[in-house]
Protein backbone atom coordinates (compact mmCIF):
# COMPACT_ATOMS: atom_id res chain seq x y z
CA MET A 1 23.03 6.25 8.31
CA SER A 2 19.90 7.83 6.81
CA ARG A 3 20.06 11.58 6.24
CA GLN A 4 16.94 13.70 5.97
CA ILE A 5 16.72 17.40 5.19
CA VAL A 6 13.58 19.31 6.19
CA LEU A 7 13.42 22.13 3.64
CA ASP A 8 11.35 25.25 3.09
CA THR A 9 11.67 28.27 0.84
CA GLU A 10 10.27 31.78 0.74
CA THR A 11 9.79 33.47 -2.61
CA THR A 12 8.91 36.74 -4.33
CA GLY A 13 5.58 35.32 -5.52
CA LEU A 14 3.73 32.16 -6.40
CA ASP A 15 4.98 31.04 -9.82
CA PRO A 16 8.56 30.64 -11.05
CA LYS A 17 7.25 30.50 -14.64
CA SER A 18 6.18 34.14 -14.18
CA GLY A 19 9.71 35.11 -13.20
CA HIS A 20 9.35 34.82 -9.43
CA ARG A 21 12.47 33.88 -7.49
CA VAL A 22 13.59 32.22 -4.27
CA ILE A 23 14.65 34.69 -1.57
CA GLU A 24 15.16 32.37 1.40
CA VAL A 25 16.12 28.72 1.84
CA GLY A 26 15.95 27.03 5.24
CA CYS A 27 17.20 23.47 5.80
CA VAL A 28 17.26 21.40 9.00
CA GLU A 29 19.17 18.11 9.03
CA LEU A 30 17.95 14.92 10.73
CA ARG A 31 19.94 11.72 11.17
CA GLU A 32 18.26 8.70 12.72
CA ARG A 33 15.38 10.97 13.86
CA ARG A 34 17.75 13.33 15.66
CA LEU A 35 18.42 16.99 14.91
CA THR A 36 22.12 17.30 14.11
CA GLY A 37 22.49 21.09 14.07
CA ASN A 38 24.03 20.86 10.58
CA ASN A 39 21.51 23.30 9.13
CA LEU A 40 21.70 25.58 6.11
CA HIS A 41 20.05 29.00 5.98
CA LEU A 42 20.34 31.37 3.02
CA TYR A 43 18.86 34.75 2.13
CA LEU A 44 19.11 35.60 -1.57
CA GLN A 45 18.97 38.72 -3.76
CA PRO A 46 16.30 37.99 -6.40
CA ASP A 47 16.98 40.92 -8.75
CA ARG A 48 13.27 41.73 -8.82
CA GLU A 49 10.62 43.23 -6.59
CA ILE A 50 8.79 41.07 -4.07
CA ASP A 51 5.00 40.98 -4.41
CA GLN A 52 3.29 42.85 -1.57
CA GLN A 53 1.15 39.81 -0.76
CA ALA A 54 4.31 37.74 -0.34
CA ILE A 55 5.84 40.35 1.97
CA GLU A 56 2.73 40.19 4.14
CA ILE A 57 3.24 36.42 4.49
CA HIS A 58 6.99 36.22 5.22
CA GLY A 59 7.89 39.79 6.19
CA ILE A 60 11.04 39.90 4.04
CA SER A 61 11.48 43.31 2.40
CA ASN A 62 13.25 44.32 -0.81
CA GLU A 63 15.60 46.53 1.22
CA PHE A 64 16.65 43.64 3.49
CA LEU A 65 17.84 41.62 0.49
CA LEU A 66 19.88 44.33 -1.22
CA ASP A 67 23.23 43.09 0.12
CA LYS A 68 22.43 39.37 0.05
CA PRO A 69 24.17 36.95 -2.37
CA ARG A 70 22.60 35.85 -5.64
CA PHE A 71 21.63 32.22 -6.17
CA GLU A 72 24.53 31.62 -8.56
CA THR A 73 27.02 32.15 -5.72
CA VAL A 74 25.43 29.53 -3.45
CA ALA A 75 24.16 27.02 -6.03
CA ALA A 76 27.09 24.61 -5.70
CA GLU A 77 26.95 24.71 -1.88
CA LEU A 78 23.21 24.04 -1.84
CA LYS A 79 23.45 21.23 -4.40
CA ALA A 80 26.21 19.50 -2.41
CA TYR A 81 24.26 19.89 0.83
CA LEU A 82 21.09 18.33 -0.61
CA SER A 83 22.76 15.53 -2.56
CA GLY A 84 22.03 12.03 -1.31
CA ALA A 85 19.46 13.12 1.27
CA GLU A 86 15.73 12.59 1.62
CA LEU A 87 14.04 15.98 1.43
CA LEU A 88 10.99 16.49 3.64
CA ILE A 89 8.93 19.36 2.23
CA HIS A 90 5.38 20.53 3.01
CA ASN A 91 3.67 20.95 -0.36
CA ALA A 92 6.80 19.74 -2.14
CA PRO A 93 5.83 20.63 -5.75
CA PHE A 94 5.95 24.34 -4.87
CA ASP A 95 9.47 24.36 -3.39
CA VAL A 96 10.86 21.78 -5.84
CA GLY A 97 9.55 23.81 -8.78
CA PHE A 98 11.22 26.98 -7.51
CA LEU A 99 14.56 25.28 -6.73
CA GLU A 100 14.70 23.58 -10.13
CA SER A 101 13.94 26.95 -11.73
CA GLU A 102 16.79 28.60 -9.81
CA PHE A 103 19.31 25.95 -10.84
CA SER A 104 18.10 26.24 -14.44
CA ILE A 105 18.60 30.04 -14.41
CA VAL A 106 22.28 29.60 -13.48
CA GLY A 107 22.81 27.01 -16.22
CA ASP A 108 22.58 23.84 -14.15
CA ALA A 109 19.18 22.43 -15.05
CA PHE A 110 18.35 19.04 -13.54
CA PRO A 111 15.42 17.35 -11.80
CA LEU A 112 15.91 17.61 -8.05
CA THR A 113 15.02 13.93 -7.68
CA SER A 114 18.18 13.06 -9.63
CA ILE A 115 20.34 14.00 -6.62
CA CYS A 116 17.98 13.22 -3.72
CA THR A 117 14.57 11.79 -2.88
CA VAL A 118 11.61 14.02 -2.06
CA THR A 119 8.87 13.27 0.46
CA ASP A 120 5.83 15.55 0.51
CA THR A 121 4.70 15.86 4.13
CA LEU A 122 1.45 17.50 2.99
CA ALA A 123 0.59 14.35 1.02
CA MET A 124 1.54 12.29 4.10
CA ALA A 125 -0.74 14.40 6.30
CA ARG A 126 -3.67 14.17 3.86
CA LYS A 127 -3.34 10.38 3.91
CA GLN A 128 -3.04 10.24 7.70
CA PHE A 129 -5.76 12.83 8.38
CA PRO A 130 -8.19 12.63 5.44
CA GLY A 131 -10.80 15.33 5.16
CA GLN A 132 -9.06 17.61 7.69
CA ARG A 133 -7.06 20.82 7.36
CA ASN A 134 -3.41 19.89 6.97
CA SER A 135 -1.61 23.21 6.87
CA LEU A 136 1.50 23.42 9.04
CA ASP A 137 -0.39 25.47 11.65
CA ALA A 138 -3.30 22.99 11.68
CA LEU A 139 -0.90 20.06 12.12
CA CYS A 140 0.89 21.83 14.98
CA LYS A 141 -2.41 22.27 16.79
CA ARG A 142 -3.52 18.68 16.11
CA LEU A 143 -0.20 17.09 17.13
CA GLY A 144 0.63 19.35 20.06
CA VAL A 145 3.66 21.02 18.46
CA ASN A 146 4.38 24.46 19.88
CA ASN A 147 4.43 27.12 17.16
CA ALA A 148 3.57 30.13 19.31
CA HIS A 149 6.77 31.86 18.13
CA ARG A 150 5.58 31.71 14.49
CA THR A 151 3.96 35.05 13.69
CA LEU A 152 5.29 35.24 10.14
CA HIS A 153 6.43 32.54 7.75
CA GLY A 154 10.20 32.01 7.62
CA ALA A 155 12.03 29.24 5.79
CA LEU A 156 14.30 28.15 8.65
CA LEU A 157 11.62 28.53 11.34
CA ASP A 158 9.08 26.62 9.26
CA SER A 159 11.63 23.86 8.65
CA GLU A 160 12.30 23.53 12.37
CA ILE A 161 8.56 23.33 13.08
CA LEU A 162 8.02 20.86 10.24
CA ALA A 163 10.78 18.64 11.66
CA ASP A 164 8.82 18.38 14.92
CA VAL A 165 5.57 17.76 13.03
CA TYR A 166 7.18 15.04 10.90
CA LEU A 167 8.61 13.26 13.95
CA MET A 168 5.19 13.34 15.63
CA MET A 169 3.47 12.05 12.49
CA THR A 170 5.91 9.16 12.10
CA GLY A 171 6.44 8.04 15.66
CA GLY A 172 5.41 10.62 18.21
CA GLN A 173 8.85 10.99 19.78
CA THR A 174 10.44 14.44 19.62
CA ALA A 175 11.53 15.58 23.07
CA LEU A 176 13.46 12.48 24.14
CA VAL A 177 15.33 10.56 21.46
CA LEU A 178 17.67 7.76 22.50
CA ASP A 179 21.30 7.85 21.43
CA ALA A 180 21.64 6.42 17.93
CA ASP A 181 24.60 4.32 19.09
CA ARG A 182 22.33 2.50 21.55
CA VAL A 183 19.14 2.13 19.52
CA SER A 184 18.72 1.64 15.79
CA SER A 185 15.51 3.38 14.68
CA ASP A 186 15.47 1.31 11.49
CA SER A 187 15.49 -2.10 13.17
CA GLY A 188 13.97 -1.17 16.51
CA LYS A 189 16.59 -3.39 18.17
CA THR A 190 18.44 -2.27 21.25
CA ASN A 191 22.19 -2.80 21.14
CA GLU A 192 24.04 -4.14 24.15
CA VAL A 193 25.59 -1.43 26.31
CA GLU A 194 28.50 -2.11 28.63
CA LEU A 195 27.94 -0.55 32.05
CA LYS A 196 31.08 0.18 34.09
CA THR A 197 29.67 -0.46 37.55
CA ASP A 198 33.02 0.21 39.24
CA GLN A 199 32.64 3.85 38.20
CA LEU A 200 29.12 4.33 39.58
CA LEU A 201 28.81 6.67 42.54
CA VAL A 202 26.85 5.11 45.41
CA VAL A 203 25.42 7.52 48.01
CA GLN A 204 24.15 5.89 51.23
CA ALA A 205 21.20 7.40 53.11
CA ASN A 206 22.11 9.07 56.41
CA GLU A 207 20.35 8.41 59.73
CA SER A 208 17.86 11.27 59.40
CA GLU A 209 16.90 10.16 55.87
CA LEU A 210 16.43 6.56 57.05
CA ALA A 211 14.29 7.76 59.97
CA ALA A 212 12.13 9.88 57.65
CA HIS A 213 11.72 6.87 55.35
CA GLU A 214 10.60 4.63 58.20
CA ASN A 215 8.17 7.30 59.40
CA TRP A 216 6.64 7.50 55.92
CA LEU A 217 6.31 3.70 55.74
CA SER A 218 4.54 3.69 59.12
CA LYS A 219 2.02 6.23 57.82
CA LEU A 220 1.41 4.07 54.75
CA GLU A 221 0.91 1.01 57.00
CA GLN A 222 -1.72 2.85 59.03
CA GLN A 223 -3.68 3.51 55.82
CA GLY A 224 -3.48 -0.09 54.62
CA GLU A 225 -0.97 -2.65 53.46
CA CYS A 226 2.57 -1.36 53.00
CA VAL A 227 3.93 -3.22 49.96
CA TRP A 228 7.48 -2.01 50.59
CA ARG A 229 7.65 -3.60 54.07
CA LYS A 230 5.83 -6.71 52.85
CA ASP A 231 8.44 -7.23 50.10
CA SER A 232 11.29 -6.50 52.51
CA LEU A 233 10.02 -9.14 54.99
CA ALA A 234 9.57 -11.67 52.21
CA SER A 235 13.15 -11.19 51.02
CA GLU A 236 14.47 -11.92 54.53
CA HIS A 237 12.91 -15.40 54.59
């Protein structure tokens, strides 16, 4: 069963090479195009001040992070959670660069692609919508994804929105997803389902409902041909 993780981070600034750190990680899990609820959300103490411009984007303050864990205490959990999955990230080089920097700081340097695959949804969007704005907000507007609750950036919120955007970009089905046991999204084949007809509840129409139905059919007949009655007569002969 394929496992995808929609991931986003918030940081103290723009460049890990300048000493900036990750302060929030938000991950949303998808299996067979279905949200599983097995999400991961972390706030982290960066041991440095957050740039004011960054605060204006995500709204996370230095004071809020004072009692949050440091990356070293969650590194093993995060690595295990991401391992073996396909990561879906909007502008992947940014988040990948920061995560690899964080693992390196705690003495566990490795390329993220050595434990998982990475798909850049921004690159996907640029290919699908060339010459257009492909920010997350622009894609929401173009694809009809509701992001009215997004006033500030947030890693978990942005991951949830990106999951909807990704599903729309790759198939257009987000609100109603068939049970994975009945339909395989990889093959597109529908598996046979055994229906237990002896357990189905059958409710017969009462006399008043039948009378109302006949009255409605008569009105339809006055306006033209009533297909229902035509088919009923045909089935009797």
